[in-house]
């Protein structure tokens, strides 16, 4: 089947409802998050959100990449609350919590 490189990361996705009246709601109806995580270290390697603006996507990437999920999700949520002032703040937090929960549940199943 070819010469495929071994993958050492996992992708975790989650969604929440975007706030009505926001550009995100008009375009997507939801807030989506995709986390690429190294399960050996629980470090976020890459992140993508369903934001319209590239600046917002880049901002969240810089905020989250390198974060160690072994420390829980509270500090990351505090970063979002401290640095992101937008109508979609709560929906981002809900999606982030759902992705974290999905990752931790799956990690515990594998062990």
N, C-alpha and C. Protein backbone atom coordinates (compact mmCIF):
# COMPACT_ATOMS: atom_id res chain seq x y z
N UNK A 1 0.82 -1.20 0.00
CA UNK A 1 0.00 0.00 0.00
C UNK A 1 0.85 1.25 0.00
N UNK A 2 1.92 1.25 -0.62
CA UNK A 2 2.71 2.46 -0.72
C UNK A 2 3.65 2.65 0.44
N UNK A 3 4.23 3.81 0.47
CA UNK A 3 5.24 4.15 1.46
C UNK A 3 4.68 5.22 2.40
N UNK A 4 3.71 4.86 3.23
CA UNK A 4 3.06 5.81 4.12
C UNK A 4 3.86 6.01 5.39
N UNK A 5 4.00 7.26 5.75
CA UNK A 5 4.70 7.61 6.99
C UNK A 5 3.79 7.32 8.19
N UNK A 6 4.33 6.78 9.25
CA UNK A 6 3.58 6.51 10.48
C UNK A 6 3.09 7.82 11.09
N UNK A 7 1.82 7.87 11.44
CA UNK A 7 1.27 9.06 12.09
C UNK A 7 1.45 8.96 13.59
N UNK A 8 1.89 10.05 14.19
CA UNK A 8 2.09 10.08 15.64
C UNK A 8 1.12 11.04 16.32
N UNK A 9 0.17 11.57 15.57
CA UNK A 9 -0.79 12.52 16.14
C UNK A 9 -2.20 12.04 15.85
N UNK A 10 -3.15 12.64 16.54
CA UNK A 10 -4.58 12.36 16.31
C UNK A 10 -5.31 13.67 16.06
N UNK A 11 -6.42 13.59 15.35
CA UNK A 11 -7.29 14.74 15.15
C UNK A 11 -8.54 14.55 15.99
N UNK A 12 -8.93 15.60 16.67
CA UNK A 12 -10.15 15.61 17.48
C UNK A 12 -10.98 16.80 17.02
N UNK A 13 -12.26 16.56 16.76
CA UNK A 13 -13.15 17.63 16.33
C UNK A 13 -14.31 17.78 17.29
N UNK A 14 -14.86 18.99 17.32
CA UNK A 14 -16.06 19.26 18.11
C UNK A 14 -16.73 20.51 17.56
N UNK A 15 -18.01 20.63 17.86
CA UNK A 15 -18.80 21.74 17.35
C UNK A 15 -19.74 22.26 18.43
N UNK A 16 -20.14 23.52 18.26
CA UNK A 16 -21.17 24.10 19.10
C UNK A 16 -21.92 25.11 18.23
N UNK A 17 -23.08 25.51 18.69
CA UNK A 17 -23.90 26.45 17.92
C UNK A 17 -23.28 27.85 17.98
N UNK A 18 -23.14 28.45 16.81
CA UNK A 18 -22.62 29.83 16.74
C UNK A 18 -23.72 30.80 17.17
N UNK A 19 -23.34 31.95 17.72
CA UNK A 19 -24.35 32.92 18.15
C UNK A 19 -25.09 33.52 16.95
N UNK A 20 -26.42 33.54 17.05
CA UNK A 20 -27.23 34.09 15.97
C UNK A 20 -26.87 35.55 15.73
N UNK A 21 -26.87 35.92 14.47
CA UNK A 21 -26.56 37.29 14.10
C UNK A 21 -25.08 37.53 13.85
N UNK A 22 -24.24 36.56 14.21
CA UNK A 22 -22.81 36.72 13.98
C UNK A 22 -22.47 36.26 12.56
N UNK A 23 -21.34 36.72 12.06
CA UNK A 23 -20.89 36.31 10.73
C UNK A 23 -20.66 34.80 10.70
N UNK A 24 -20.16 34.25 11.79
CA UNK A 24 -19.93 32.81 11.86
C UNK A 24 -21.24 32.04 11.72
N UNK A 25 -22.29 32.54 12.36
CA UNK A 25 -23.59 31.88 12.27
C UNK A 25 -24.11 31.94 10.84
N UNK A 26 -23.99 33.11 10.22
CA UNK A 26 -24.49 33.29 8.86
C UNK A 26 -23.75 32.38 7.87
N UNK A 27 -22.48 32.16 8.09
CA UNK A 27 -21.69 31.34 7.17
C UNK A 27 -21.75 29.85 7.49
N UNK A 28 -21.69 29.49 8.77
CA UNK A 28 -21.54 28.09 9.15
C UNK A 28 -22.64 27.53 10.05
N UNK A 29 -23.32 28.38 10.80
CA UNK A 29 -24.32 27.98 11.79
C UNK A 29 -23.71 27.35 13.04
N UNK A 30 -22.43 27.04 13.03
CA UNK A 30 -21.79 26.42 14.17
C UNK A 30 -20.35 26.92 14.31
N UNK A 31 -19.79 26.68 15.48
CA UNK A 31 -18.37 26.89 15.72
C UNK A 31 -17.73 25.52 15.71
N UNK A 32 -16.75 25.33 14.87
CA UNK A 32 -16.07 24.05 14.80
C UNK A 32 -14.61 24.20 15.20
N UNK A 33 -14.09 23.19 15.84
CA UNK A 33 -12.69 23.17 16.22
C UNK A 33 -12.10 21.83 15.80
N UNK A 34 -10.88 21.89 15.32
CA UNK A 34 -10.12 20.69 15.02
C UNK A 34 -8.78 20.84 15.74
N UNK A 35 -8.48 19.89 16.61
CA UNK A 35 -7.21 19.88 17.33
C UNK A 35 -6.37 18.71 16.83
N UNK A 36 -5.12 18.99 16.48
CA UNK A 36 -4.16 17.92 16.21
C UNK A 36 -3.32 17.79 17.47
N UNK A 37 -3.33 16.60 18.04
CA UNK A 37 -2.71 16.37 19.34
C UNK A 37 -1.72 15.22 19.25
N UNK A 38 -0.60 15.37 19.93
CA UNK A 38 0.36 14.29 20.08
C UNK A 38 -0.02 13.53 21.34
N UNK A 39 -0.58 12.32 21.21
CA UNK A 39 -1.02 11.60 22.41
C UNK A 39 0.11 11.15 23.32
N UNK A 40 1.34 11.13 22.83
CA UNK A 40 2.47 10.76 23.68
C UNK A 40 2.77 11.86 24.70
N UNK A 41 2.49 13.12 24.32
CA UNK A 41 2.78 14.25 25.20
C UNK A 41 1.54 15.04 25.59
N UNK A 42 0.40 14.76 24.93
CA UNK A 42 -0.86 15.50 25.10
C UNK A 42 -0.73 16.96 24.67
N UNK A 43 0.25 17.25 23.84
CA UNK A 43 0.48 18.62 23.37
C UNK A 43 -0.34 18.90 22.10
N UNK A 44 -0.95 20.09 22.06
CA UNK A 44 -1.64 20.52 20.85
C UNK A 44 -0.58 20.91 19.83
N UNK A 45 -0.59 20.23 18.69
CA UNK A 45 0.39 20.45 17.63
C UNK A 45 -0.12 21.48 16.63
N UNK A 46 -1.42 21.45 16.37
CA UNK A 46 -2.03 22.38 15.44
C UNK A 46 -3.50 22.52 15.80
N UNK A 47 -4.11 23.61 15.36
CA UNK A 47 -5.52 23.85 15.66
C UNK A 47 -6.14 24.63 14.52
N UNK A 48 -7.41 24.35 14.29
CA UNK A 48 -8.15 25.12 13.29
C UNK A 48 -9.58 25.31 13.78
N UNK A 49 -10.09 26.51 13.58
CA UNK A 49 -11.47 26.85 13.90
C UNK A 49 -12.20 27.27 12.64
N UNK A 50 -13.52 27.25 12.70
CA UNK A 50 -14.33 27.69 11.56
C UNK A 50 -14.55 29.20 11.62
N UNK A 51 -13.47 29.95 11.71
CA UNK A 51 -13.56 31.40 11.68
C UNK A 51 -13.49 31.89 10.25
N UNK A 52 -14.07 33.06 9.99
CA UNK A 52 -14.02 33.62 8.65
C UNK A 52 -12.69 34.30 8.37
N UNK A 53 -12.16 35.00 9.34
CA UNK A 53 -10.95 35.80 9.15
C UNK A 53 -9.68 34.99 9.41
N UNK A 54 -8.73 35.11 8.52
CA UNK A 54 -7.45 34.42 8.70
C UNK A 54 -6.73 34.89 9.94
N UNK A 55 -6.86 36.16 10.29
CA UNK A 55 -6.21 36.69 11.49
C UNK A 55 -6.72 35.96 12.73
N UNK A 56 -8.01 35.71 12.79
CA UNK A 56 -8.58 35.01 13.94
C UNK A 56 -8.06 33.58 14.00
N UNK A 57 -8.01 32.93 12.86
CA UNK A 57 -7.47 31.56 12.82
C UNK A 57 -6.02 31.53 13.30
N UNK A 58 -5.22 32.48 12.82
CA UNK A 58 -3.82 32.56 13.21
C UNK A 58 -3.69 32.87 14.70
N UNK A 59 -4.53 33.77 15.21
CA UNK A 59 -4.50 34.15 16.63
C UNK A 59 -4.74 32.93 17.51
N UNK A 60 -5.76 32.13 17.18
CA UNK A 60 -6.06 30.95 17.98
C UNK A 60 -4.97 29.90 17.85
N UNK A 61 -4.38 29.80 16.68
CA UNK A 61 -3.27 28.85 16.52
C UNK A 61 -2.13 29.23 17.45
N UNK A 62 -1.77 30.50 17.49
CA UNK A 62 -0.69 30.95 18.37
C UNK A 62 -1.06 30.78 19.84
N UNK A 63 -2.33 30.95 20.17
CA UNK A 63 -2.78 30.84 21.56
C UNK A 63 -2.75 29.39 22.05
N UNK A 64 -3.01 28.45 21.16
CA UNK A 64 -3.23 27.07 21.61
C UNK A 64 -2.11 26.09 21.29
N UNK A 65 -1.38 26.31 20.21
CA UNK A 65 -0.34 25.36 19.84
C UNK A 65 0.73 25.33 20.94
N UNK A 66 1.09 24.13 21.32
CA UNK A 66 2.07 23.94 22.38
C UNK A 66 1.45 23.70 23.75
N UNK A 67 0.15 23.93 23.86
CA UNK A 67 -0.51 23.73 25.16
C UNK A 67 -0.56 22.24 25.49
N UNK A 68 -0.27 21.90 26.73
CA UNK A 68 -0.26 20.52 27.22
C UNK A 68 -1.60 20.21 27.87
N UNK A 69 -2.39 19.38 27.22
CA UNK A 69 -3.72 19.04 27.73
C UNK A 69 -3.66 18.19 29.01
N UNK A 70 -2.48 17.72 29.39
CA UNK A 70 -2.33 17.02 30.66
C UNK A 70 -2.65 17.94 31.83
N UNK A 71 -2.52 19.25 31.60
CA UNK A 71 -2.81 20.25 32.63
C UNK A 71 -4.29 20.57 32.76
N UNK A 72 -5.13 19.88 32.01
CA UNK A 72 -6.56 20.18 32.02
C UNK A 72 -6.88 21.27 31.01
N UNK A 73 -8.12 21.68 30.98
CA UNK A 73 -8.58 22.63 29.98
C UNK A 73 -8.81 24.03 30.55
N UNK A 74 -8.84 24.17 31.86
CA UNK A 74 -9.20 25.45 32.49
C UNK A 74 -8.28 26.60 32.10
N UNK A 75 -6.97 26.36 32.09
CA UNK A 75 -6.04 27.44 31.74
C UNK A 75 -6.23 27.89 30.29
N UNK A 76 -6.51 26.95 29.40
CA UNK A 76 -6.74 27.30 28.01
C UNK A 76 -8.03 28.10 27.85
N UNK A 77 -9.05 27.74 28.59
CA UNK A 77 -10.31 28.50 28.57
C UNK A 77 -10.07 29.91 29.11
N UNK A 78 -9.28 30.03 30.15
CA UNK A 78 -8.96 31.37 30.69
C UNK A 78 -8.22 32.21 29.66
N UNK A 79 -7.34 31.60 28.86
CA UNK A 79 -6.66 32.33 27.78
C UNK A 79 -7.67 32.88 26.79
N UNK A 80 -8.64 32.04 26.42
CA UNK A 80 -9.67 32.47 25.46
C UNK A 80 -10.45 33.64 26.04
N UNK A 81 -10.90 33.51 27.29
CA UNK A 81 -11.69 34.57 27.93
C UNK A 81 -10.88 35.86 28.07
N UNK A 82 -9.60 35.75 28.32
CA UNK A 82 -8.75 36.93 28.54
C UNK A 82 -8.38 37.64 27.23
N UNK A 83 -8.28 36.89 26.14
CA UNK A 83 -7.73 37.46 24.91
C UNK A 83 -8.68 37.52 23.73
N UNK A 84 -9.86 36.96 23.83
CA UNK A 84 -10.78 36.92 22.69
C UNK A 84 -12.09 37.57 23.07
N UNK A 85 -12.35 38.75 22.53
CA UNK A 85 -13.57 39.52 22.84
C UNK A 85 -14.45 39.53 21.60
N UNK A 86 -15.37 38.59 21.53
CA UNK A 86 -16.25 38.49 20.36
C UNK A 86 -17.55 37.81 20.76
N UNK A 87 -18.58 37.98 19.94
CA UNK A 87 -19.85 37.32 20.25
C UNK A 87 -19.74 35.80 20.34
N UNK A 88 -18.75 35.24 19.67
CA UNK A 88 -18.63 33.78 19.62
C UNK A 88 -17.76 33.20 20.74
N UNK A 89 -17.37 34.00 21.72
CA UNK A 89 -16.49 33.50 22.79
C UNK A 89 -17.07 32.26 23.47
N UNK A 90 -18.33 32.32 23.85
CA UNK A 90 -18.93 31.18 24.56
C UNK A 90 -19.01 29.94 23.68
N UNK A 91 -19.34 30.12 22.40
CA UNK A 91 -19.44 28.94 21.52
C UNK A 91 -18.06 28.33 21.27
N UNK A 92 -17.01 29.15 21.24
CA UNK A 92 -15.65 28.64 21.12
C UNK A 92 -15.30 27.80 22.35
N UNK A 93 -15.65 28.31 23.52
CA UNK A 93 -15.35 27.59 24.77
C UNK A 93 -16.12 26.27 24.83
N UNK A 94 -17.38 26.27 24.41
CA UNK A 94 -18.17 25.04 24.41
C UNK A 94 -17.55 24.01 23.47
N UNK A 95 -17.14 24.44 22.28
CA UNK A 95 -16.51 23.52 21.32
C UNK A 95 -15.18 23.01 21.86
N UNK A 96 -14.40 23.89 22.49
CA UNK A 96 -13.12 23.49 23.06
C UNK A 96 -13.30 22.46 24.16
N UNK A 97 -14.26 22.69 25.05
CA UNK A 97 -14.54 21.73 26.12
C UNK A 97 -14.98 20.38 25.55
N UNK A 98 -15.81 20.41 24.51
CA UNK A 98 -16.28 19.17 23.90
C UNK A 98 -15.13 18.40 23.25
N UNK A 99 -14.22 19.11 22.58
CA UNK A 99 -13.06 18.46 21.96
C UNK A 99 -12.16 17.85 23.03
N UNK A 100 -11.94 18.58 24.11
CA UNK A 100 -11.11 18.08 25.21
C UNK A 100 -11.74 16.82 25.82
N UNK A 101 -13.03 16.87 26.06
CA UNK A 101 -13.74 15.72 26.64
C UNK A 101 -13.64 14.51 25.72
N UNK A 102 -13.86 14.72 24.42
CA UNK A 102 -13.77 13.63 23.45
C UNK A 102 -12.36 13.03 23.45
N UNK A 103 -11.35 13.90 23.46
CA UNK A 103 -9.97 13.43 23.46
C UNK A 103 -9.66 12.61 24.71
N UNK A 104 -10.03 13.12 25.86
CA UNK A 104 -9.72 12.43 27.12
C UNK A 104 -10.46 11.09 27.21
N UNK A 105 -11.72 11.06 26.77
CA UNK A 105 -12.48 9.80 26.79
C UNK A 105 -11.83 8.77 25.88
N UNK A 106 -11.44 9.21 24.70
CA UNK A 106 -10.81 8.29 23.73
C UNK A 106 -9.44 7.83 24.25
N UNK A 107 -8.70 8.73 24.84
CA UNK A 107 -7.38 8.39 25.39
C UNK A 107 -7.53 7.33 26.48
N UNK A 108 -8.53 7.49 27.33
CA UNK A 108 -8.77 6.53 28.42
C UNK A 108 -9.23 5.17 27.89
N UNK A 109 -9.94 5.15 26.75
CA UNK A 109 -10.38 3.90 26.14
C UNK A 109 -9.19 3.12 25.60
N UNK A 110 -8.23 3.84 25.06
CA UNK A 110 -7.06 3.21 24.44
C UNK A 110 -6.14 2.59 25.49
N UNK A 111 -6.09 3.21 26.67
CA UNK A 111 -5.18 2.72 27.73
C UNK A 111 -5.60 1.39 28.30
